[in-house]
Every structure is written in structure tokens, then in C-alpha cells.
N, C-alpha and C. Protein backbone atom coordinates (compact mmCIF):
# COMPACT_ATOMS: atom_id res chain seq x y z
N MET A 1 25.17 -39.56 47.66
CA MET A 1 23.89 -39.44 48.31
C MET A 1 24.10 -39.05 49.77
N GLY A 2 23.28 -38.11 50.20
CA GLY A 2 23.41 -37.64 51.55
C GLY A 2 22.58 -38.43 52.53
N GLU A 3 22.81 -38.14 53.78
CA GLU A 3 22.09 -38.82 54.85
C GLU A 3 20.59 -38.54 54.78
N ALA A 4 20.21 -37.31 54.46
CA ALA A 4 18.79 -36.95 54.36
C ALA A 4 18.12 -37.74 53.25
N SER A 5 18.79 -37.90 52.13
CA SER A 5 18.25 -38.67 51.02
C SER A 5 18.05 -40.13 51.41
N SER A 6 18.99 -40.66 52.14
CA SER A 6 18.90 -42.04 52.60
C SER A 6 17.73 -42.23 53.56
N ARG A 7 17.52 -41.26 54.45
CA ARG A 7 16.38 -41.33 55.38
C ARG A 7 15.06 -41.27 54.63
N ARG A 8 14.97 -40.44 53.60
CA ARG A 8 13.74 -40.35 52.80
C ARG A 8 13.45 -41.68 52.12
N ARG A 9 14.47 -42.31 51.55
CA ARG A 9 14.28 -43.61 50.89
C ARG A 9 13.81 -44.65 51.89
N GLU A 10 14.38 -44.66 53.08
CA GLU A 10 13.98 -45.62 54.11
C GLU A 10 12.54 -45.38 54.54
N LYS A 11 12.16 -44.10 54.71
CA LYS A 11 10.79 -43.78 55.10
C LYS A 11 9.82 -44.19 54.01
N TYR A 12 10.18 -43.91 52.76
CA TYR A 12 9.33 -44.26 51.64
C TYR A 12 9.14 -45.78 51.59
N ALA A 13 10.20 -46.54 51.77
CA ALA A 13 10.10 -48.00 51.78
C ALA A 13 9.20 -48.46 52.92
N GLY A 14 9.33 -47.83 54.08
CA GLY A 14 8.47 -48.16 55.21
C GLY A 14 7.01 -47.84 54.93
N ASP A 15 6.78 -46.73 54.24
CA ASP A 15 5.40 -46.36 53.88
C ASP A 15 4.80 -47.39 52.93
N LEU A 16 5.58 -47.88 51.97
CA LEU A 16 5.08 -48.91 51.05
C LEU A 16 4.75 -50.20 51.78
N HIS A 17 5.59 -50.56 52.76
CA HIS A 17 5.31 -51.76 53.56
C HIS A 17 4.02 -51.57 54.37
N ALA A 18 3.85 -50.40 54.95
CA ALA A 18 2.64 -50.13 55.74
C ALA A 18 1.40 -50.18 54.85
N LEU A 19 1.48 -49.61 53.66
CA LEU A 19 0.36 -49.66 52.73
C LEU A 19 0.03 -51.10 52.40
N GLY A 20 1.03 -51.89 52.10
CA GLY A 20 0.80 -53.29 51.78
C GLY A 20 0.14 -54.05 52.91
N ARG A 21 0.59 -53.80 54.12
CA ARG A 21 -0.01 -54.47 55.29
C ARG A 21 -1.48 -54.06 55.45
N ARG A 22 -1.77 -52.77 55.22
CA ARG A 22 -3.16 -52.31 55.35
C ARG A 22 -4.05 -52.94 54.29
N VAL A 23 -3.58 -52.98 53.05
CA VAL A 23 -4.38 -53.60 51.98
C VAL A 23 -4.63 -55.06 52.31
N GLN A 24 -3.59 -55.76 52.73
CA GLN A 24 -3.73 -57.18 53.05
C GLN A 24 -4.71 -57.38 54.23
N ALA A 25 -4.60 -56.55 55.26
CA ALA A 25 -5.48 -56.69 56.42
C ALA A 25 -6.93 -56.37 56.05
N LEU A 26 -7.15 -55.32 55.28
CA LEU A 26 -8.51 -54.98 54.87
C LEU A 26 -9.11 -56.07 53.99
N ARG A 27 -8.30 -56.62 53.12
CA ARG A 27 -8.76 -57.71 52.26
C ARG A 27 -9.13 -58.93 53.11
N ALA A 28 -8.28 -59.27 54.07
CA ALA A 28 -8.56 -60.41 54.95
C ALA A 28 -9.80 -60.16 55.79
N ASP A 29 -9.94 -58.93 56.32
CA ASP A 29 -11.12 -58.59 57.12
C ASP A 29 -12.40 -58.72 56.31
N ALA A 30 -12.30 -58.45 55.01
CA ALA A 30 -13.47 -58.57 54.12
C ALA A 30 -13.68 -60.01 53.67
N GLY A 31 -12.76 -60.89 54.05
CA GLY A 31 -12.88 -62.30 53.69
C GLY A 31 -12.65 -62.55 52.20
N LEU A 32 -11.79 -61.72 51.60
CA LEU A 32 -11.55 -61.82 50.17
C LEU A 32 -10.18 -62.40 49.87
N SER A 33 -10.12 -63.23 48.84
CA SER A 33 -8.84 -63.65 48.30
C SER A 33 -8.35 -62.56 47.36
N GLN A 34 -7.10 -62.66 46.96
CA GLN A 34 -6.59 -61.70 45.99
C GLN A 34 -7.37 -61.80 44.68
N GLU A 35 -7.76 -63.00 44.30
CA GLU A 35 -8.53 -63.19 43.08
C GLU A 35 -9.90 -62.52 43.18
N GLN A 36 -10.54 -62.63 44.33
CA GLN A 36 -11.85 -62.00 44.52
C GLN A 36 -11.72 -60.48 44.50
N LEU A 37 -10.66 -59.96 45.12
CA LEU A 37 -10.44 -58.52 45.09
C LEU A 37 -10.15 -58.05 43.67
N GLU A 38 -9.46 -58.87 42.91
CA GLU A 38 -9.23 -58.55 41.49
C GLU A 38 -10.57 -58.41 40.76
N ASP A 39 -11.48 -59.36 40.98
CA ASP A 39 -12.78 -59.32 40.32
C ASP A 39 -13.57 -58.07 40.71
N LEU A 40 -13.50 -57.70 41.99
CA LEU A 40 -14.26 -56.55 42.47
C LEU A 40 -13.66 -55.21 42.04
N SER A 41 -12.34 -55.15 41.97
CA SER A 41 -11.66 -53.87 41.74
C SER A 41 -11.20 -53.65 40.30
N GLY A 42 -10.99 -54.75 39.58
CA GLY A 42 -10.41 -54.64 38.25
C GLY A 42 -8.90 -54.48 38.28
N VAL A 43 -8.31 -54.58 39.47
CA VAL A 43 -6.85 -54.50 39.63
C VAL A 43 -6.31 -55.93 39.55
N GLN A 44 -5.34 -56.15 38.70
CA GLN A 44 -4.81 -57.49 38.51
C GLN A 44 -4.26 -58.08 39.82
N ARG A 45 -4.45 -59.39 39.98
CA ARG A 45 -4.01 -60.08 41.19
C ARG A 45 -2.52 -59.89 41.41
N LEU A 46 -1.72 -59.93 40.35
CA LEU A 46 -0.28 -59.75 40.51
C LEU A 46 0.05 -58.35 41.03
N THR A 47 -0.74 -57.37 40.65
CA THR A 47 -0.56 -56.01 41.16
C THR A 47 -0.93 -55.97 42.64
N ILE A 48 -2.03 -56.60 43.00
CA ILE A 48 -2.45 -56.65 44.40
C ILE A 48 -1.36 -57.31 45.24
N SER A 49 -0.85 -58.43 44.76
CA SER A 49 0.23 -59.13 45.46
C SER A 49 1.46 -58.23 45.59
N GLY A 50 1.79 -57.54 44.52
CA GLY A 50 2.95 -56.64 44.55
C GLY A 50 2.79 -55.51 45.55
N ILE A 51 1.57 -54.98 45.65
CA ILE A 51 1.31 -53.92 46.63
C ILE A 51 1.42 -54.49 48.05
N GLU A 52 0.79 -55.64 48.27
CA GLU A 52 0.81 -56.24 49.60
C GLU A 52 2.22 -56.60 50.04
N ASN A 53 3.11 -56.88 49.10
CA ASN A 53 4.48 -57.25 49.41
C ASN A 53 5.47 -56.10 49.21
N ALA A 54 4.94 -54.88 49.08
CA ALA A 54 5.75 -53.66 48.93
C ALA A 54 6.71 -53.73 47.76
N LYS A 55 6.31 -54.42 46.70
CA LYS A 55 7.14 -54.53 45.50
C LYS A 55 6.68 -53.54 44.43
N ILE A 56 5.46 -53.01 44.58
CA ILE A 56 4.88 -52.11 43.59
C ILE A 56 4.47 -50.82 44.28
N ASP A 57 4.79 -49.72 43.65
CA ASP A 57 4.36 -48.39 44.07
C ASP A 57 3.11 -48.07 43.25
N PRO A 58 1.91 -48.24 43.84
CA PRO A 58 0.69 -48.15 43.03
C PRO A 58 0.36 -46.72 42.61
N GLN A 59 -0.29 -46.64 41.46
CA GLN A 59 -0.81 -45.36 40.99
C GLN A 59 -2.06 -45.01 41.78
N LEU A 60 -2.40 -43.74 41.78
CA LEU A 60 -3.57 -43.26 42.52
C LEU A 60 -4.83 -43.98 42.08
N VAL A 61 -5.04 -44.14 40.79
CA VAL A 61 -6.25 -44.79 40.31
C VAL A 61 -6.36 -46.22 40.85
N THR A 62 -5.24 -46.90 41.00
CA THR A 62 -5.23 -48.25 41.57
C THR A 62 -5.68 -48.22 43.01
N LEU A 63 -5.18 -47.27 43.78
CA LEU A 63 -5.59 -47.14 45.18
C LEU A 63 -7.07 -46.81 45.29
N LEU A 64 -7.56 -45.96 44.41
CA LEU A 64 -8.98 -45.61 44.43
C LEU A 64 -9.85 -46.83 44.13
N ARG A 65 -9.45 -47.63 43.17
CA ARG A 65 -10.21 -48.83 42.83
C ARG A 65 -10.19 -49.85 43.96
N LEU A 66 -9.04 -50.02 44.59
CA LEU A 66 -8.96 -50.95 45.72
C LEU A 66 -9.80 -50.47 46.89
N ALA A 67 -9.71 -49.19 47.20
CA ALA A 67 -10.50 -48.65 48.31
C ALA A 67 -11.99 -48.86 48.07
N GLU A 68 -12.44 -48.57 46.87
CA GLU A 68 -13.87 -48.76 46.57
C GLU A 68 -14.27 -50.22 46.72
N ALA A 69 -13.46 -51.13 46.19
CA ALA A 69 -13.77 -52.56 46.28
C ALA A 69 -13.76 -53.05 47.72
N LEU A 70 -12.90 -52.46 48.55
CA LEU A 70 -12.81 -52.87 49.96
C LEU A 70 -13.81 -52.13 50.85
N GLY A 71 -14.50 -51.14 50.28
CA GLY A 71 -15.51 -50.40 51.04
C GLY A 71 -14.92 -49.45 52.07
N VAL A 72 -13.75 -48.88 51.74
CA VAL A 72 -13.11 -47.94 52.66
C VAL A 72 -12.78 -46.65 51.91
N ARG A 73 -12.51 -45.61 52.68
CA ARG A 73 -12.06 -44.35 52.07
C ARG A 73 -10.61 -44.53 51.62
N PRO A 74 -10.23 -43.91 50.51
CA PRO A 74 -8.84 -44.02 50.07
C PRO A 74 -7.84 -43.64 51.16
N ALA A 75 -8.18 -42.67 51.98
CA ALA A 75 -7.28 -42.26 53.05
C ALA A 75 -6.99 -43.39 54.02
N GLU A 76 -7.94 -44.31 54.19
CA GLU A 76 -7.71 -45.44 55.09
C GLU A 76 -6.60 -46.35 54.57
N LEU A 77 -6.48 -46.46 53.25
CA LEU A 77 -5.39 -47.26 52.71
C LEU A 77 -4.04 -46.63 53.01
N LEU A 78 -4.05 -45.31 53.13
CA LEU A 78 -2.82 -44.58 53.39
C LEU A 78 -2.56 -44.39 54.88
N GLY A 79 -3.45 -44.91 55.70
CA GLY A 79 -3.25 -44.84 57.14
C GLY A 79 -3.77 -43.59 57.79
N ASN A 80 -4.67 -42.89 57.12
CA ASN A 80 -5.24 -41.66 57.68
C ASN A 80 -6.68 -41.87 58.07
């Protein structure tokens, strides 16, 4: 593995951590528990926890459901 590949993996891991922090912050700002967000979004609580802890690389449909439940644009979850 080359240095460029290693940098991409590190950036990708950092992006997943940033996504998780944003989901967690938006959920907290909305005053929602993970269970409440599960009820609103249809995304399982364990998946939400995994995203917030950068353990899961979510599918697009999952991000769309979370964004809708949190009342934000999908781009906001991605930091845009």
C-alpha cells in the first residue's frame, strides 16, 4: 500500500467521524434520543449508534431518512 492510499483511508475515517459527530449534534439539538430518532426515521437504533461512533458507513437511503427525521438537508449531514 502506498502513501497516497494510506492518506485516503485516514481522510475517509476522519469523514466518518465528522459525519457521526454531526448526526449526534443534530439529534441532541432536536432533543431526541437514539430511540426517538429510530421511531422518526425508521433507522435502527444500533445503526444510528454505529454511525455516531464511526463504526458504520451508512448507505445513502439511511442518510436521507435521518436527514428528513432531523429536519435538515442531506448535505448538512455531510457538512455542506
